[in-house]
Amino acid sequence: MELSLVGLQNAGKTSLVNSIATGGYTEDMIPTVGFNMRKVTKGNVTIKLWDLGGQRRFRTMWERYCRGVSAIVYVVDAADRDSVPISRTELHDLLKKPSLSGIPLLVLGNKIDKSEALSKQALVDQL
């Protein structure tokens, strides 16, 4: 199984990958430059995780690393209300790519434990 994790910078993609891989979390994270790939084996299942940088200059490569994967996980920082409109635009741009047609997509609202986070319904409505 192969998954690509995309979303704006600071959405929590790398933390999510690390949590899946190790079960742990750390706040000391540096921004992903380009991409990182990590293979995680749980039981009989091996997952290749593509963690793609979310800064504007890396967004053009999202499509390339999403082609042919089993699924795309689009991570949104639900606590950063100012970034949600930009995240919406990038999500819709990604959905328009013909090469990604038919690939399952999961939109993951991250950081929902923060007091300033949007509710699930508000996030859905804004995306």
C-alpha atoms as a PDB file:
ATOM      1  CA  MET A   1       0.000   0.000   0.000  1.00  0.00           C
ATOM      2  CA  GLU A   2       1.252   3.459  -0.872  1.00  0.00           C
ATOM      3  CA  LEU A   3      -0.147   6.729   0.518  1.00  0.00           C
ATOM      4  CA  SER A   4       0.693  10.345  -0.265  1.00  0.00           C
ATOM      5  CA  LEU A   5       0.143  12.891   2.495  1.00  0.00           C
ATOM      6  CA  VAL A   6      -0.380  16.407   1.198  1.00  0.00           C
ATOM      7  CA  GLY A   7      -1.601  19.679   2.667  1.00  0.00           C
ATOM      8  CA  LEU A   8      -0.337  23.129   3.547  1.00  0.00           C
ATOM      9  CA  GLN A   9       2.786  23.665   5.618  1.00  0.00           C
ATOM     10  CA  ASN A  10       2.371  23.085   9.348  1.00  0.00           C
ATOM     11  CA  ALA A  11      -0.791  20.996   8.890  1.00  0.00           C
ATOM     12  CA  GLY A  12       0.815  18.091  10.744  1.00  0.00           C
ATOM     13  CA  LYS A  13       1.687  15.674   7.924  1.00  0.00           C
ATOM     14  CA  THR A  14       5.125  14.739   9.275  1.00  0.00           C
ATOM     15  CA  SER A  15       3.766  14.361  12.807  1.00  0.00           C
ATOM     16  CA  LEU A  16       1.076  12.055  11.443  1.00  0.00           C
ATOM     17  CA  VAL A  17       3.672   9.927   9.623  1.00  0.00           C
ATOM     18  CA  ASN A  18       5.818   9.746  12.757  1.00  0.00           C
ATOM     19  CA  SER A  19       2.807   8.823  14.870  1.00  0.00           C
ATOM     20  CA  ILE A  20       1.895   5.999  12.477  1.00  0.00           C
ATOM     21  CA  ALA A  21       5.498   4.775  12.382  1.00  0.00           C
ATOM     22  CA  THR A  22       6.437   5.021  16.055  1.00  0.00           C
ATOM     23  CA  GLY A  23       3.247   5.691  17.975  1.00  0.00           C
ATOM     24  CA  GLY A  24       4.908   8.824  19.370  1.00  0.00           C
ATOM     25  CA  TYR A  25       4.621  12.566  18.944  1.00  0.00           C
ATOM     26  CA  THR A  26       7.104  15.395  19.268  1.00  0.00           C
ATOM     27  CA  GLU A  27       6.575  19.142  18.949  1.00  0.00           C
ATOM     28  CA  ASP A  28      10.125  19.704  17.680  1.00  0.00           C
ATOM     29  CA  MET A  29       9.451  19.385  13.966  1.00  0.00           C
ATOM     30  CA  ILE A  30      11.269  21.033  11.090  1.00  0.00           C
ATOM     31  CA  PRO A  31       9.471  21.797   7.817  1.00  0.00           C
ATOM     32  CA  THR A  32       9.662  19.109   5.148  1.00  0.00           C
ATOM     33  CA  VAL A  33      11.840  20.236   2.253  1.00  0.00           C
ATOM     34  CA  GLY A  34      10.496  18.587  -0.894  1.00  0.00           C
ATOM     35  CA  PHE A  35       9.399  15.197   0.368  1.00  0.00           C
ATOM     36  CA  ASN A  36      10.230  12.350   2.719  1.00  0.00           C
ATOM     37  CA  MET A  37       9.399   8.703   2.154  1.00  0.00           C
ATOM     38  CA  ARG A  38       8.966   6.245   4.981  1.00  0.00           C
ATOM     39  CA  LYS A  39       8.027   2.574   4.933  1.00  0.00           C
ATOM     40  CA  VAL A  40       6.048   1.327   7.909  1.00  0.00           C
ATOM     41  CA  THR A  41       5.251  -2.324   8.567  1.00  0.00           C
ATOM     42  CA  LYS A  42       2.427  -3.258  10.910  1.00  0.00           C
ATOM     43  CA  GLY A  43       1.822  -7.001  11.035  1.00  0.00           C
ATOM     44  CA  ASN A  44       1.581  -8.272   7.467  1.00  0.00           C
ATOM     45  CA  VAL A  45       0.977  -4.826   5.984  1.00  0.00           C
ATOM     46  CA  THR A  46       3.699  -2.540   4.672  1.00  0.00           C
ATOM     47  CA  ILE A  47       2.734   1.038   3.905  1.00  0.00           C
ATOM     48  CA  LYS A  48       4.923   3.408   1.925  1.00  0.00           C
ATOM     49  CA  LEU A  49       4.152   6.958   3.092  1.00  0.00           C
ATOM     50  CA  TRP A  50       5.071   9.948   0.940  1.00  0.00           C
ATOM     51  CA  ASP A  51       5.199  13.047   3.172  1.00  0.00           C
ATOM     52  CA  LEU A  52       5.122  16.006   0.777  1.00  0.00           C
ATOM     53  CA  GLY A  53       6.199  19.526   1.666  1.00  0.00           C
ATOM     54  CA  GLY A  54       3.336  21.986   1.966  1.00  0.00           C
ATOM     55  CA  GLN A  55       5.089  25.264   1.208  1.00  0.00           C
ATOM     56  CA  ARG A  56       3.908  26.990  -1.961  1.00  0.00           C
ATOM     57  CA  ARG A  57       7.086  26.132  -3.890  1.00  0.00           C
ATOM     58  CA  PHE A  58       6.529  22.383  -3.344  1.00  0.00           C
ATOM     59  CA  ARG A  59       2.816  22.211  -4.181  1.00  0.00           C
ATOM     60  CA  THR A  60       3.491  21.836  -7.904  1.00  0.00           C
ATOM     61  CA  MET A  61       5.055  18.424  -7.228  1.00  0.00           C
ATOM     62  CA  TRP A  62       2.067  17.058  -5.297  1.00  0.00           C
ATOM     63  CA  GLU A  63       0.471  15.637  -8.435  1.00  0.00           C
ATOM     64  CA  ARG A  64       3.640  13.763  -9.427  1.00  0.00           C
ATOM     65  CA  TYR A  65       3.877  12.008  -6.040  1.00  0.00           C
ATOM     66  CA  CYS A  66       0.150  11.293  -5.880  1.00  0.00           C
ATOM     67  CA  ARG A  67      -0.075   9.491  -9.233  1.00  0.00           C
ATOM     68  CA  GLY A  68      -0.483   5.756  -8.852  1.00  0.00           C
ATOM     69  CA  VAL A  69      -0.757   5.670  -5.052  1.00  0.00           C
ATOM     70  CA  SER A  70      -3.374   3.614  -3.229  1.00  0.00           C
ATOM     71  CA  ALA A  71      -4.864   6.743  -1.630  1.00  0.00           C
ATOM     72  CA  ILE A  72      -4.211  10.420  -0.948  1.00  0.00           C
ATOM     73  CA  VAL A  73      -4.511  11.877   2.552  1.00  0.00           C
ATOM     74  CA  TYR A  74      -5.132  15.632   2.434  1.00  0.00           C
ATOM     75  CA  VAL A  75      -4.265  17.056   5.863  1.00  0.00           C
ATOM     76  CA  VAL A  76      -5.878  20.313   7.002  1.00  0.00           C
ATOM     77  CA  ASP A  77      -4.971  22.256  10.151  1.00  0.00           C
ATOM     78  CA  ALA A  78      -8.445  22.792  11.617  1.00  0.00           C
ATOM     79  CA  ALA A  79      -7.001  25.170  14.227  1.00  0.00           C
ATOM     80  CA  ASP A  80      -5.460  27.576  11.687  1.00  0.00           C
ATOM     81  CA  ARG A  81      -8.612  29.291  10.475  1.00  0.00           C
ATOM     82  CA  ASP A  82      -6.670  31.714   8.260  1.00  0.00           C
ATOM     83  CA  SER A  83      -5.178  28.851   6.241  1.00  0.00           C
ATOM     84  CA  VAL A  84      -8.456  27.026   5.541  1.00  0.00           C
ATOM     85  CA  PRO A  85      -9.413  29.104   2.444  1.00  0.00           C
ATOM     86  CA  ILE A  86      -5.954  28.474   0.941  1.00  0.00           C
ATOM     87  CA  SER A  87      -6.234  24.804   1.843  1.00  0.00           C
ATOM     88  CA  ARG A  88      -9.628  24.686   0.133  1.00  0.00           C
ATOM     89  CA  THR A  89      -8.191  26.163  -3.066  1.00  0.00           C
ATOM     90  CA  GLU A  90      -5.265  23.720  -3.091  1.00  0.00           C
ATOM     91  CA  LEU A  91      -7.580  20.770  -2.400  1.00  0.00           C
ATOM     92  CA  HIS A  92      -9.896  21.710  -5.258  1.00  0.00           C
ATOM     93  CA  ASP A  93      -6.919  22.249  -7.596  1.00  0.00           C
ATOM     94  CA  LEU A  94      -5.695  18.754  -6.707  1.00  0.00           C
ATOM     95  CA  LEU A  95      -9.142  17.255  -7.336  1.00  0.00           C
ATOM     96  CA  LYS A  96      -9.154  18.743 -10.860  1.00  0.00           C
ATOM     97  CA  LYS A  97      -6.019  16.833 -11.919  1.00  0.00           C
ATOM     98  CA  PRO A  98      -7.053  14.197 -14.508  1.00  0.00           C
ATOM     99  CA  SER A  99      -4.092  11.975 -13.577  1.00  0.00           C
ATOM    100  CA  LEU A 100      -5.484  11.615 -10.035  1.00  0.00           C
ATOM    101  CA  SER A 101      -8.994  10.650 -11.091  1.00  0.00           C
ATOM    102  CA  GLY A 102     -10.207   7.522  -9.315  1.00  0.00           C
ATOM    103  CA  ILE A 103      -7.619   7.636  -6.511  1.00  0.00           C
ATOM    104  CA  PRO A 104      -9.366   7.548  -3.116  1.00  0.00           C
ATOM    105  CA  LEU A 105      -8.969  10.758  -1.124  1.00  0.00           C
ATOM    106  CA  LEU A 106      -9.266  11.210   2.630  1.00  0.00           C
ATOM    107  CA  VAL A 107      -9.501  14.748   3.981  1.00  0.00           C
ATOM    108  CA  LEU A 108      -8.125  14.675   7.510  1.00  0.00           C
ATOM    109  CA  GLY A 109      -8.940  17.562   9.853  1.00  0.00           C
ATOM    110  CA  ASN A 110      -5.927  17.735  12.155  1.00  0.00           C
ATOM    111  CA  LYS A 111      -5.377  19.544  15.476  1.00  0.00           C
ATOM    112  CA  ILE A 112      -9.058  19.314  16.393  1.00  0.00           C
ATOM    113  CA  ASP A 113      -8.062  19.059  20.049  1.00  0.00           C
ATOM    114  CA  LYS A 114      -7.094  22.743  20.084  1.00  0.00           C
ATOM    115  CA  SER A 115      -9.653  25.176  21.483  1.00  0.00           C
ATOM    116  CA  GLU A 116      -9.493  27.397  18.396  1.00  0.00           C
ATOM    117  CA  ALA A 117     -10.151  24.502  15.991  1.00  0.00           C
ATOM    118  CA  LEU A 118     -13.141  24.558  13.694  1.00  0.00           C
ATOM    119  CA  SER A 119     -15.830  21.983  14.361  1.00  0.00           C
ATOM    120  CA  LYS A 120     -16.002  19.048  11.942  1.00  0.00           C
ATOM    121  CA  GLN A 121     -19.095  20.492  10.284  1.00  0.00           C
ATOM    122  CA  ALA A 122     -17.581  23.987   9.959  1.00  0.00           C
ATOM    123  CA  LEU A 123     -14.463  22.481   8.373  1.00  0.00           C
ATOM    124  CA  VAL A 124     -16.554  20.436   5.941  1.00  0.00           C
ATOM    125  CA  ASP A 125     -18.614  23.523   5.054  1.00  0.00           C
ATOM    126  CA  GLN A 126     -15.498  25.622   4.390  1.00  0.00           C
ATOM    127  CA  LEU A 127     -13.769  22.991   2.280  1.00  0.00           C
END
